[in-house]
Structure formats: structure tokens, C-alpha cells
Amino acid sequence: MAKGGKDARVTVILECISCVRKGLNKESAGISRYITQKNRQNTPGRLESLKFCPCCFKHTVHGEVKKSIT
């Protein structure tokens, strides 16, 4: 059983940084998004990962979006 009320694992959304900088609408299908999990205790900051973006057709940096899935 886990100690305390907060879970260590949270689900986060990673979004392509270069697509966001191009000025595309965030609700459109033109932005690459990945869903993953991170440990809140080991990684308190924002998560960044190198993933393939099908909109840019290359590997780009995907950064953590502000809101997370519960």
C-alpha cells in the first residue's frame, strides 16, 4: 500500500515544441501529442523527450503540457 494521499506516478501529455511555435491551433490535429507517466518525486520539473513528430516528419523535442490527466 502506498503511503500518504498523493500518488507518486502521474500521467502527463508531451507535445511537440516546434509545432506549437509555428502557431498552429492547439485543438487541431496538427500537433503531435504523446501520453506517458512520470514519477513526481524523482522528476519534479517539466519532462522533455525526443520523439517523432508526424507533422514535422522528424524527431523533435516534446515538452510536458501544463495540465495532466488524472
Protein backbone atom coordinates (compact mmCIF):
# COMPACT_ATOMS: atom_id res chain seq x y z
CA MET A 1 0.00 0.00 0.00
CA ALA A 2 1.14 3.48 -0.77
CA LYS A 3 1.95 5.91 2.00
CA GLY A 4 0.11 9.22 2.02
CA GLY A 5 -2.70 10.53 -0.17
CA LYS A 6 -0.76 11.60 -3.28
CA ASP A 7 0.37 9.00 -5.77
CA ALA A 8 3.96 9.22 -6.95
CA ARG A 9 3.03 8.37 -10.57
CA VAL A 10 1.13 10.91 -12.66
CA THR A 11 0.05 10.77 -16.30
CA VAL A 12 1.38 13.66 -18.41
CA ILE A 13 0.97 14.81 -22.01
CA LEU A 14 4.03 15.55 -24.17
CA GLU A 15 3.51 17.99 -27.04
CA CYS A 16 5.77 18.90 -29.97
CA ILE A 17 7.50 22.20 -29.21
CA SER A 18 8.25 23.10 -32.84
CA CYS A 19 4.59 22.67 -33.91
CA VAL A 20 3.46 24.92 -31.06
CA ARG A 21 5.99 27.59 -32.06
CA LYS A 22 4.71 27.55 -35.64
CA GLY A 23 1.43 28.96 -34.32
CA LEU A 24 -0.84 26.04 -35.08
CA ASN A 25 -4.15 25.87 -33.23
CA LYS A 26 -3.71 23.69 -30.12
CA GLU A 27 -7.08 21.98 -30.65
CA SER A 28 -6.28 21.00 -34.24
CA ALA A 29 -4.95 17.59 -35.23
CA GLY A 30 -1.74 19.22 -36.48
CA ILE A 31 0.13 18.94 -33.19
CA SER A 32 1.87 15.73 -32.19
CA ARG A 33 1.00 14.55 -28.66
CA TYR A 34 2.19 11.59 -26.62
CA ILE A 35 0.83 10.34 -23.29
CA THR A 36 3.26 8.95 -20.73
CA GLN A 37 3.80 8.69 -16.98
CA LYS A 38 6.39 10.19 -14.69
CA ASN A 39 7.33 9.82 -11.06
CA ARG A 40 6.51 13.07 -9.30
CA GLN A 41 9.14 12.53 -6.58
CA ASN A 42 12.06 11.73 -8.91
CA THR A 43 11.17 14.27 -11.63
CA PRO A 44 9.57 17.35 -10.03
CA GLY A 45 10.29 19.58 -13.07
CA ARG A 46 8.89 19.55 -16.58
CA LEU A 47 9.60 16.44 -18.64
CA GLU A 48 11.14 16.74 -22.13
CA SER A 49 11.75 13.87 -24.51
CA LEU A 50 12.91 13.41 -28.10
CA LYS A 51 10.01 11.86 -30.05
CA PHE A 52 8.97 11.54 -33.69
CA CYS A 53 6.53 14.20 -34.89
CA PRO A 54 4.42 13.05 -37.86
CA CYS A 55 3.55 16.69 -38.67
CA CYS A 56 7.20 17.79 -38.94
CA PHE A 57 8.37 14.39 -40.31
CA LYS A 58 11.39 14.33 -37.97
CA HIS A 59 12.41 13.74 -34.37
CA THR A 60 11.76 16.86 -32.27
CA VAL A 61 11.66 17.78 -28.60
CA HIS A 62 8.31 17.13 -26.96
CA GLY A 63 7.68 19.01 -23.73
CA GLU A 64 5.22 18.44 -20.92
CA VAL A 65 1.89 20.25 -21.20
CA LYS A 66 0.68 22.16 -18.15
CA LYS A 67 -2.40 20.10 -17.31
CA SER A 68 -2.12 16.39 -16.58
CA ILE A 69 -4.60 13.54 -16.85
CA THR A 70 -5.82 12.12 -13.55
